Full PDB file with SEQRES, HELIX, SHEET, SSBOND, CRYST1, ORIGX, SCALE, CONECT and MASTER records, all heavy atoms in Angstrom:
SEQRES   1 A   32  THR THR ASP LYS VAL ILE LEU GLN PRO TYR ALA ILE ASP          
SEQRES   2 A   32  LEU LYS ILE PRO PHE LEU GLN LEU THR ASN TYR THR VAL          
SEQRES   3 A   32  ILE ASN ASN GLY LYS GLU                                      
HELIX    1 AA1 ASN A   28  GLY A   30  5                                   3    
CRYST1    1.000    1.000    1.000  90.00  90.00  90.00 P 1           1          
ORIGX1      1.000000  0.000000  0.000000        0.00000                         
ORIGX2      0.000000  1.000000  0.000000        0.00000                         
ORIGX3      0.000000  0.000000  1.000000        0.00000                         
SCALE1      1.000000  0.000000  0.000000        0.00000                         
SCALE2      0.000000  1.000000  0.000000        0.00000                         
SCALE3      0.000000  0.000000  1.000000        0.00000                         
ATOM      1  N   THR A   1       0.822  -1.210   0.000  1.00  0.00           N  
ATOM      2  CA  THR A   1       0.000   0.000   0.000  1.00  0.00           C  
ATOM      3  C   THR A   1       0.853   1.256   0.000  1.00  0.00           C  
ATOM      4  O   THR A   1       0.578   2.212  -0.725  1.00  0.00           O  
ATOM      5  CB  THR A   1      -0.938   0.002   1.217  1.00  0.00           C  
ATOM      6  OG1 THR A   1      -1.681  -1.229   1.244  1.00  0.00           O  
ATOM      7  CG2 THR A   1      -1.912   1.176   1.148  1.00  0.00           C  
ATOM      8  N   THR A   2       1.927   1.234   0.818  1.00  0.00           N  
ATOM      9  CA  THR A   2       2.780   2.421   0.949  1.00  0.00           C  
ATOM     10  C   THR A   2       4.138   2.263   0.289  1.00  0.00           C  
ATOM     11  O   THR A   2       4.901   3.225   0.206  1.00  0.00           O  
ATOM     12  CB  THR A   2       3.004   2.742   2.433  1.00  0.00           C  
ATOM     13  OG1 THR A   2       3.723   1.662   3.046  1.00  0.00           O  
ATOM     14  CG2 THR A   2       1.679   2.944   3.150  1.00  0.00           C  
ATOM     15  N   ASP A   3       4.466   1.032  -0.152  1.00  0.00           N  
ATOM     16  CA  ASP A   3       5.754   0.700  -0.763  1.00  0.00           C  
ATOM     17  C   ASP A   3       6.920   0.827   0.204  1.00  0.00           C  
ATOM     18  O   ASP A   3       8.074   0.962  -0.204  1.00  0.00           O  
ATOM     19  CB  ASP A   3       6.009   1.566  -1.995  1.00  0.00           C  
ATOM     20  CG  ASP A   3       6.938   0.851  -2.988  1.00  0.00           C  
ATOM     21  OD1 ASP A   3       6.800  -0.378  -3.145  1.00  0.00           O  
ATOM     22  OD2 ASP A   3       7.790   1.517  -3.596  1.00  0.00           O  
ATOM     23  N   LYS A   4       6.649   0.802   1.524  1.00  0.00           N  
ATOM     24  CA  LYS A   4       7.696   0.878   2.530  1.00  0.00           C  
ATOM     25  C   LYS A   4       8.146  -0.523   2.920  1.00  0.00           C  
ATOM     26  O   LYS A   4       7.334  -1.442   3.047  1.00  0.00           O  
ATOM     27  CB  LYS A   4       7.211   1.628   3.765  1.00  0.00           C  
ATOM     28  CG  LYS A   4       6.974   3.105   3.535  1.00  0.00           C  
ATOM     29  CD  LYS A   4       6.544   3.794   4.817  1.00  0.00           C  
ATOM     30  CE  LYS A   4       6.339   5.284   4.615  1.00  0.00           C  
ATOM     31  NZ  LYS A   4       5.896   5.962   5.870  1.00  0.00           N  
ATOM     32  N   VAL A   5       9.438  -0.675   3.156  1.00  0.00           N  
ATOM     33  CA  VAL A   5       9.989  -1.953   3.584  1.00  0.00           C  
ATOM     34  C   VAL A   5       9.657  -2.174   5.052  1.00  0.00           C  
ATOM     35  O   VAL A   5       9.962  -1.348   5.902  1.00  0.00           O  
ATOM     36  CB  VAL A   5      11.504  -1.993   3.361  1.00  0.00           C  
ATOM     37  CG1 VAL A   5      12.088  -3.270   3.938  1.00  0.00           C  
ATOM     38  CG2 VAL A   5      11.834  -1.893   1.881  1.00  0.00           C  
ATOM     39  N   ILE A   6       9.034  -3.269   5.350  1.00  0.00           N  
ATOM     40  CA  ILE A   6       8.657  -3.626   6.716  1.00  0.00           C  
ATOM     41  C   ILE A   6       9.718  -4.487   7.367  1.00  0.00           C  
ATOM     42  O   ILE A   6      10.009  -4.360   8.544  1.00  0.00           O  
ATOM     43  CB  ILE A   6       7.301  -4.349   6.736  1.00  0.00           C  
ATOM     44  CG1 ILE A   6       6.226  -3.495   6.109  1.00  0.00           C  
ATOM     45  CG2 ILE A   6       6.901  -4.745   8.153  1.00  0.00           C  
ATOM     46  CD1 ILE A   6       6.035  -2.149   6.796  1.00  0.00           C  
ATOM     47  N   LEU A   7      10.301  -5.400   6.592  1.00  0.00           N  
ATOM     48  CA  LEU A   7      11.356  -6.280   7.089  1.00  0.00           C  
ATOM     49  C   LEU A   7      12.467  -6.315   6.060  1.00  0.00           C  
ATOM     50  O   LEU A   7      12.266  -6.731   4.927  1.00  0.00           O  
ATOM     51  CB  LEU A   7      10.806  -7.687   7.342  1.00  0.00           C  
ATOM     52  CG  LEU A   7      11.815  -8.724   7.873  1.00  0.00           C  
ATOM     53  CD1 LEU A   7      12.259  -8.357   9.284  1.00  0.00           C  
ATOM     54  CD2 LEU A   7      11.206 -10.130   7.858  1.00  0.00           C  
ATOM     55  N   GLN A   8      13.636  -5.851   6.454  1.00  0.00           N  
ATOM     56  CA  GLN A   8      14.785  -5.886   5.561  1.00  0.00           C  
ATOM     57  C   GLN A   8      15.263  -7.315   5.384  1.00  0.00           C  
ATOM     58  O   GLN A   8      14.835  -8.210   6.138  1.00  0.00           O  
ATOM     59  CB  GLN A   8      15.908  -5.002   6.102  1.00  0.00           C  
ATOM     60  CG  GLN A   8      16.368  -5.349   7.486  1.00  0.00           C  
ATOM     61  CD  GLN A   8      17.397  -4.380   8.015  1.00  0.00           C  
ATOM     62  OE1 GLN A   8      18.139  -3.764   7.251  1.00  0.00           O  
ATOM     63  NE2 GLN A   8      17.463  -4.208   9.317  1.00  0.00           N  
ATOM     64  N   PRO A   9      16.100  -7.577   4.382  1.00  0.00           N  
ATOM     65  CA  PRO A   9      16.466  -8.963   4.067  1.00  0.00           C  
ATOM     66  C   PRO A   9      16.792  -9.801   5.296  1.00  0.00           C  
ATOM     67  O   PRO A   9      17.690  -9.477   6.067  1.00  0.00           O  
ATOM     68  CB  PRO A   9      17.674  -8.791   3.149  1.00  0.00           C  
ATOM     69  CG  PRO A   9      17.422  -7.477   2.471  1.00  0.00           C  
ATOM     70  CD  PRO A   9      16.770  -6.613   3.498  1.00  0.00           C  
ATOM     71  N   TYR A  10      16.005 -10.878   5.469  1.00  0.00           N  
ATOM     72  CA  TYR A  10      16.095 -11.722   6.661  1.00  0.00           C  
ATOM     73  C   TYR A  10      16.448 -13.144   6.238  1.00  0.00           C  
ATOM     74  O   TYR A  10      15.799 -13.720   5.355  1.00  0.00           O  
ATOM     75  CB  TYR A  10      14.758 -11.702   7.421  1.00  0.00           C  
ATOM     76  CG  TYR A  10      14.803 -12.310   8.800  1.00  0.00           C  
ATOM     77  CD1 TYR A  10      14.990 -11.513   9.922  1.00  0.00           C  
ATOM     78  CD2 TYR A  10      14.649 -13.681   8.993  1.00  0.00           C  
ATOM     79  CE1 TYR A  10      15.004 -12.064  11.201  1.00  0.00           C  
ATOM     80  CE2 TYR A  10      14.686 -14.241  10.249  1.00  0.00           C  
ATOM     81  CZ  TYR A  10      14.874 -13.427  11.352  1.00  0.00           C  
ATOM     82  OH  TYR A  10      14.907 -13.982  12.621  1.00  0.00           O  
ATOM     83  N   ALA A  11      17.453 -13.742   6.860  1.00  0.00           N  
ATOM     84  CA  ALA A  11      17.956 -15.061   6.483  1.00  0.00           C  
ATOM     85  C   ALA A  11      16.966 -16.165   6.871  1.00  0.00           C  
ATOM     86  O   ALA A  11      16.463 -16.188   7.994  1.00  0.00           O  
ATOM     87  CB  ALA A  11      19.307 -15.314   7.140  1.00  0.00           C  
ATOM     88  N   ILE A  12      16.689 -17.054   5.936  1.00  0.00           N  
ATOM     89  CA  ILE A  12      15.840 -18.213   6.203  1.00  0.00           C  
ATOM     90  C   ILE A  12      16.525 -19.482   5.686  1.00  0.00           C  
ATOM     91  O   ILE A  12      17.355 -19.438   4.785  1.00  0.00           O  
ATOM     92  CB  ILE A  12      14.444 -18.077   5.546  1.00  0.00           C  
ATOM     93  CG1 ILE A  12      14.578 -17.928   4.032  1.00  0.00           C  
ATOM     94  CG2 ILE A  12      13.653 -16.958   6.166  1.00  0.00           C  
ATOM     95  CD1 ILE A  12      13.248 -18.030   3.292  1.00  0.00           C  
ATOM     96  N   ASP A  13      16.166 -20.614   6.271  1.00  0.00           N  
ATOM     97  CA  ASP A  13      16.742 -21.910   5.940  1.00  0.00           C  
ATOM     98  C   ASP A  13      16.033 -22.502   4.715  1.00  0.00           C  
ATOM     99  O   ASP A  13      14.836 -22.777   4.754  1.00  0.00           O  
ATOM    100  CB  ASP A  13      16.602 -22.853   7.135  1.00  0.00           C  
ATOM    101  CG  ASP A  13      17.258 -24.209   6.891  1.00  0.00           C  
ATOM    102  OD1 ASP A  13      17.901 -24.390   5.835  1.00  0.00           O  
ATOM    103  OD2 ASP A  13      17.098 -25.092   7.756  1.00  0.00           O  
ATOM    104  N   LEU A  14      16.773 -22.702   3.644  1.00  0.00           N  
ATOM    105  CA  LEU A  14      16.216 -23.277   2.422  1.00  0.00           C  
ATOM    106  C   LEU A  14      16.733 -24.683   2.137  1.00  0.00           C  
ATOM    107  O   LEU A  14      16.502 -25.211   1.047  1.00  0.00           O  
ATOM    108  CB  LEU A  14      16.523 -22.376   1.216  1.00  0.00           C  
ATOM    109  CG  LEU A  14      15.856 -20.997   1.218  1.00  0.00           C  
ATOM    110  CD1 LEU A  14      16.295 -20.223  -0.017  1.00  0.00           C  
ATOM    111  CD2 LEU A  14      14.341 -21.123   1.249  1.00  0.00           C  
ATOM    112  N   LYS A  15      17.416 -25.269   3.105  1.00  0.00           N  
ATOM    113  CA  LYS A  15      17.909 -26.631   2.882  1.00  0.00           C  
ATOM    114  C   LYS A  15      16.728 -27.572   2.712  1.00  0.00           C  
ATOM    115  O   LYS A  15      15.769 -27.534   3.484  1.00  0.00           O  
ATOM    116  CB  LYS A  15      18.782 -27.081   4.058  1.00  0.00           C  
ATOM    117  CG  LYS A  15      20.092 -26.340   4.199  1.00  0.00           C  
ATOM    118  CD  LYS A  15      21.008 -26.980   5.202  1.00  0.00           C  
ATOM    119  CE  LYS A  15      20.455 -26.907   6.594  1.00  0.00           C  
ATOM    120  NZ  LYS A  15      20.472 -25.507   7.103  1.00  0.00           N  
ATOM    121  N   ILE A  16      16.802 -28.389   1.686  1.00  0.00           N  
ATOM    122  CA  ILE A  16      15.735 -29.363   1.467  1.00  0.00           C  
ATOM    123  C   ILE A  16      15.826 -30.412   2.566  1.00  0.00           C  
ATOM    124  O   ILE A  16      16.861 -31.061   2.737  1.00  0.00           O  
ATOM    125  CB  ILE A  16      15.845 -30.017   0.085  1.00  0.00           C  
ATOM    126  CG1 ILE A  16      15.656 -28.966  -1.003  1.00  0.00           C  
ATOM    127  CG2 ILE A  16      14.821 -31.128  -0.060  1.00  0.00           C  
ATOM    128  CD1 ILE A  16      15.749 -29.475  -2.385  1.00  0.00           C  
ATOM    129  N   PRO A  17      14.788 -30.572   3.342  1.00  0.00           N  
ATOM    130  CA  PRO A  17      14.851 -31.474   4.502  1.00  0.00           C  
ATOM    131  C   PRO A  17      14.914 -32.941   4.112  1.00  0.00           C  
ATOM    132  O   PRO A  17      14.496 -33.344   3.035  1.00  0.00           O  
ATOM    133  CB  PRO A  17      13.555 -31.172   5.259  1.00  0.00           C  
ATOM    134  CG  PRO A  17      12.631 -30.705   4.190  1.00  0.00           C  
ATOM    135  CD  PRO A  17      13.468 -29.974   3.182  1.00  0.00           C  
ATOM    136  N   PHE A  18      15.471 -33.740   5.008  1.00  0.00           N  
ATOM    137  CA  PHE A  18      15.486 -35.165   4.825  1.00  0.00           C  
ATOM    138  C   PHE A  18      14.076 -35.701   4.741  1.00  0.00           C  
ATOM    139  O   PHE A  18      13.139 -35.140   5.296  1.00  0.00           O  
ATOM    140  CB  PHE A  18      16.231 -35.825   5.982  1.00  0.00           C  
ATOM    141  CG  PHE A  18      17.665 -35.420   6.071  1.00  0.00           C  
ATOM    142  CD1 PHE A  18      18.119 -34.641   7.102  1.00  0.00           C  
ATOM    143  CD2 PHE A  18      18.552 -35.789   5.095  1.00  0.00           C  
ATOM    144  CE1 PHE A  18      19.442 -34.237   7.167  1.00  0.00           C  
ATOM    145  CE2 PHE A  18      19.868 -35.395   5.144  1.00  0.00           C  
ATOM    146  CZ  PHE A  18      20.323 -34.618   6.181  1.00  0.00           C  
ATOM    147  N   LEU A  19      13.932 -36.797   4.009  1.00  0.00           N  
ATOM    148  CA  LEU A  19      12.666 -37.479   3.766  1.00  0.00           C  
ATOM    149  C   LEU A  19      11.797 -36.831   2.707  1.00  0.00           C  
ATOM    150  O   LEU A  19      10.928 -37.462   2.162  1.00  0.00           O  
ATOM    151  CB  LEU A  19      11.831 -37.608   5.052  1.00  0.00           C  
ATOM    152  CG  LEU A  19      12.332 -38.544   6.117  1.00  0.00           C  
ATOM    153  CD1 LEU A  19      11.375 -38.517   7.302  1.00  0.00           C  
ATOM    154  CD2 LEU A  19      12.423 -39.950   5.615  1.00  0.00           C  
ATOM    155  N   GLN A  20      12.006 -35.582   2.431  1.00  0.00           N  
ATOM    156  CA  GLN A  20      11.111 -34.900   1.524  1.00  0.00           C  
ATOM    157  C   GLN A  20      11.452 -35.142   0.065  1.00  0.00           C  
ATOM    158  O   GLN A  20      10.728 -34.713  -0.820  1.00  0.00           O  
ATOM    159  CB  GLN A  20      11.117 -33.399   1.817  1.00  0.00           C  
ATOM    160  CG  GLN A  20      10.631 -33.044   3.211  1.00  0.00           C  
ATOM    161  CD  GLN A  20       9.237 -33.545   3.487  1.00  0.00           C  
ATOM    162  OE1 GLN A  20       8.413 -33.636   2.578  1.00  0.00           O  
ATOM    163  NE2 GLN A  20       8.950 -33.894   4.729  1.00  0.00           N  
ATOM    164  N   LEU A  21      12.503 -35.858  -0.181  1.00  0.00           N  
ATOM    165  CA  LEU A  21      12.869 -36.179  -1.554  1.00  0.00           C  
ATOM    166  C   LEU A  21      12.237 -37.487  -2.005  1.00  0.00           C  
ATOM    167  O   LEU A  21      12.408 -37.902  -3.130  1.00  0.00           O  
ATOM    168  CB  LEU A  21      14.388 -36.262  -1.684  1.00  0.00           C  
ATOM    169  CG  LEU A  21      15.129 -34.946  -1.445  1.00  0.00           C  
ATOM    170  CD1 LEU A  21      16.623 -35.187  -1.393  1.00  0.00           C  
ATOM    171  CD2 LEU A  21      14.802 -33.949  -2.520  1.00  0.00           C  
ATOM    172  N   THR A  22      11.522 -38.132  -1.127  1.00  0.00           N  
ATOM    173  CA  THR A  22      10.933 -39.419  -1.445  1.00  0.00           C  
ATOM    174  C   THR A  22       9.439 -39.420  -1.162  1.00  0.00           C  
ATOM    175  O   THR A  22       8.936 -38.639  -0.373  1.00  0.00           O  
ATOM    176  CB  THR A  22      11.581 -40.549  -0.635  1.00  0.00           C  
ATOM    177  OG1 THR A  22      11.252 -40.360   0.741  1.00  0.00           O  
ATOM    178  CG2 THR A  22      13.082 -40.552  -0.798  1.00  0.00           C  
ATOM    179  N   ASN A  23       8.754 -40.318  -1.815  1.00  0.00           N  
ATOM    180  CA  ASN A  23       7.325 -40.485  -1.590  1.00  0.00           C  
ATOM    181  C   ASN A  23       7.023 -41.379  -0.405  1.00  0.00           C  
ATOM    182  O   ASN A  23       5.960 -41.286   0.184  1.00  0.00           O  
ATOM    183  CB  ASN A  23       6.645 -41.076  -2.819  1.00  0.00           C  
ATOM    184  CG  ASN A  23       6.626 -40.107  -3.976  1.00  0.00           C  
ATOM    185  OD1 ASN A  23       6.934 -38.944  -3.812  1.00  0.00           O  
ATOM    186  ND2 ASN A  23       6.286 -40.595  -5.148  1.00  0.00           N  
ATOM    187  N   TYR A  24       7.941 -42.230  -0.040  1.00  0.00           N  
ATOM    188  CA  TYR A  24       7.714 -43.193   1.006  1.00  0.00           C  
ATOM    189  C   TYR A  24       8.829 -43.147   2.031  1.00  0.00           C  
ATOM    190  O   TYR A  24       9.999 -43.004   1.691  1.00  0.00           O  
ATOM    191  CB  TYR A  24       7.563 -44.608   0.444  1.00  0.00           C  
ATOM    192  CG  TYR A  24       6.385 -44.730  -0.482  1.00  0.00           C  
ATOM    193  CD1 TYR A  24       6.522 -44.516  -1.830  1.00  0.00           C  
ATOM    194  CD2 TYR A  24       5.119 -44.991   0.011  1.00  0.00           C  
ATOM    195  CE1 TYR A  24       5.434 -44.581  -2.677  1.00  0.00           C  
ATOM    196  CE2 TYR A  24       4.018 -45.051  -0.821  1.00  0.00           C  
ATOM    197  CZ  TYR A  24       4.185 -44.856  -2.161  1.00  0.00           C  
ATOM    198  OH  TYR A  24       3.098 -44.906  -3.003  1.00  0.00           O  
ATOM    199  N   THR A  25       8.443 -43.291   3.281  1.00  0.00           N  
ATOM    200  CA  THR A  25       9.377 -43.149   4.374  1.00  0.00           C  
ATOM    201  C   THR A  25      10.107 -44.449   4.677  1.00  0.00           C  
ATOM    202  O   THR A  25      11.311 -44.482   4.825  1.00  0.00           O  
ATOM    203  CB  THR A  25       8.635 -42.682   5.635  1.00  0.00           C  
ATOM    204  OG1 THR A  25       7.822 -41.598   5.347  1.00  0.00           O  
ATOM    205  CG2 THR A  25       9.600 -42.321   6.704  1.00  0.00           C  
ATOM    206  N   VAL A  26       9.379 -45.522   4.793  1.00  0.00           N  
ATOM    207  CA  VAL A  26       9.930 -46.787   5.240  1.00  0.00           C  
ATOM    208  C   VAL A  26       9.616 -47.889   4.240  1.00  0.00           C  
ATOM    209  O   VAL A  26       8.488 -48.016   3.783  1.00  0.00           O  
ATOM    210  CB  VAL A  26       9.375 -47.177   6.618  1.00  0.00           C  
ATOM    211  CG1 VAL A  26       9.935 -48.510   7.070  1.00  0.00           C  
ATOM    212  CG2 VAL A  26       9.688 -46.109   7.645  1.00  0.00           C  
ATOM    213  N   ILE A  27      10.594 -48.662   3.900  1.00  0.00           N  
ATOM    214  CA  ILE A  27      10.402 -49.844   3.078  1.00  0.00           C  
ATOM    215  C   ILE A  27      10.379 -51.045   4.011  1.00  0.00           C  
ATOM    216  O   ILE A  27      11.346 -51.317   4.715  1.00  0.00           O  
ATOM    217  CB  ILE A  27      11.521 -50.004   2.034  1.00  0.00           C  
ATOM    218  CG1 ILE A  27      11.662 -48.733   1.204  1.00  0.00           C  
ATOM    219  CG2 ILE A  27      11.264 -51.213   1.157  1.00  0.00           C  
ATOM    220  CD1 ILE A  27      10.413 -48.370   0.444  1.00  0.00           C  
ATOM    221  N   ASN A  28       9.285 -51.771   4.050  1.00  0.00           N  
ATOM    222  CA  ASN A  28       9.110 -52.848   5.010  1.00  0.00           C  
ATOM    223  C   ASN A  28       9.765 -54.146   4.571  1.00  0.00           C  
ATOM    224  O   ASN A  28       9.714 -54.512   3.394  1.00  0.00           O  
ATOM    225  CB  ASN A  28       7.634 -53.098   5.271  1.00  0.00           C  
ATOM    226  CG  ASN A  28       6.987 -51.968   6.037  1.00  0.00           C  
ATOM    227  OD1 ASN A  28       7.541 -51.478   7.007  1.00  0.00           O  
ATOM    228  ND2 ASN A  28       5.831 -51.536   5.582  1.00  0.00           N  
ATOM    229  N   ASN A  29      10.359 -54.804   5.551  1.00  0.00           N  
ATOM    230  CA  ASN A  29      10.861 -56.161   5.399  1.00  0.00           C  
ATOM    231  C   ASN A  29      11.859 -56.337   4.269  1.00  0.00           C  
ATOM    232  O   ASN A  29      12.020 -57.426   3.736  1.00  0.00           O  
ATOM    233  CB  ASN A  29       9.697 -57.142   5.228  1.00  0.00           C  
ATOM    234  CG  ASN A  29       8.810 -57.177   6.460  1.00  0.00           C  
ATOM    235  OD1 ASN A  29       9.298 -57.125   7.581  1.00  0.00           O  
ATOM    236  ND2 ASN A  29       7.514 -57.233   6.242  1.00  0.00           N  
ATOM    237  N   GLY A  30      12.522 -55.245   3.917  1.00  0.00           N  
ATOM    238  CA  GLY A  30      13.580 -55.372   2.940  1.00  0.00           C  
ATOM    239  C   GLY A  30      13.151 -55.830   1.567  1.00  0.00           C  
ATOM    240  O   GLY A  30      13.941 -56.364   0.804  1.00  0.00           O  
ATOM    241  N   LYS A  31      11.889 -55.635   1.236  1.00  0.00           N  
ATOM    242  CA  LYS A  31      11.437 -56.023  -0.084  1.00  0.00           C  
ATOM    243  C   LYS A  31      12.135 -55.179  -1.143  1.00  0.00           C  
ATOM    244  O   LYS A  31      12.429 -54.024  -0.927  1.00  0.00           O  
ATOM    245  CB  LYS A  31       9.921 -55.872  -0.201  1.00  0.00           C  
ATOM    246  CG  LYS A  31       9.134 -56.830   0.663  1.00  0.00           C  
ATOM    247  CD  LYS A  31       7.643 -56.613   0.492  1.00  0.00           C  
ATOM    248  CE  LYS A  31       6.857 -57.589   1.356  1.00  0.00           C  
ATOM    249  NZ  LYS A  31       5.395 -57.370   1.224  1.00  0.00           N  
ATOM    250  N   GLU A  32      12.380 -55.790  -2.273  1.00  0.00           N  
ATOM    251  CA  GLU A  32      13.021 -55.046  -3.342  1.00  0.00           C  
ATOM    252  C   GLU A  32      12.167 -53.859  -3.760  1.00  0.00           C  
ATOM    253  O   GLU A  32      10.952 -53.939  -3.830  1.00  0.00           O  
ATOM    254  CB  GLU A  32      13.263 -55.945  -4.554  1.00  0.00           C  
ATOM    255  CG  GLU A  32      14.298 -57.033  -4.289  1.00  0.00           C  
ATOM    256  CD  GLU A  32      14.611 -57.832  -5.517  1.00  0.00           C  
ATOM    257  OE1 GLU A  32      13.784 -57.854  -6.434  1.00  0.00           O  
ATOM    258  OE2 GLU A  32      15.697 -58.424  -5.579  1.00  0.00           O  
TER     259      GLU A  32                                                      
MASTER        0    0    0    1    0    0    0    6  258    1    0    3          
END                                                                             
């Protein structure tokens, strides 16, 4: 509305978290 900066550049974590690269979490009983 006013074009004023409310928060200047703020660092955030963009690391892709573990588990999120897969569709399934656990493979049961060692099945292929």
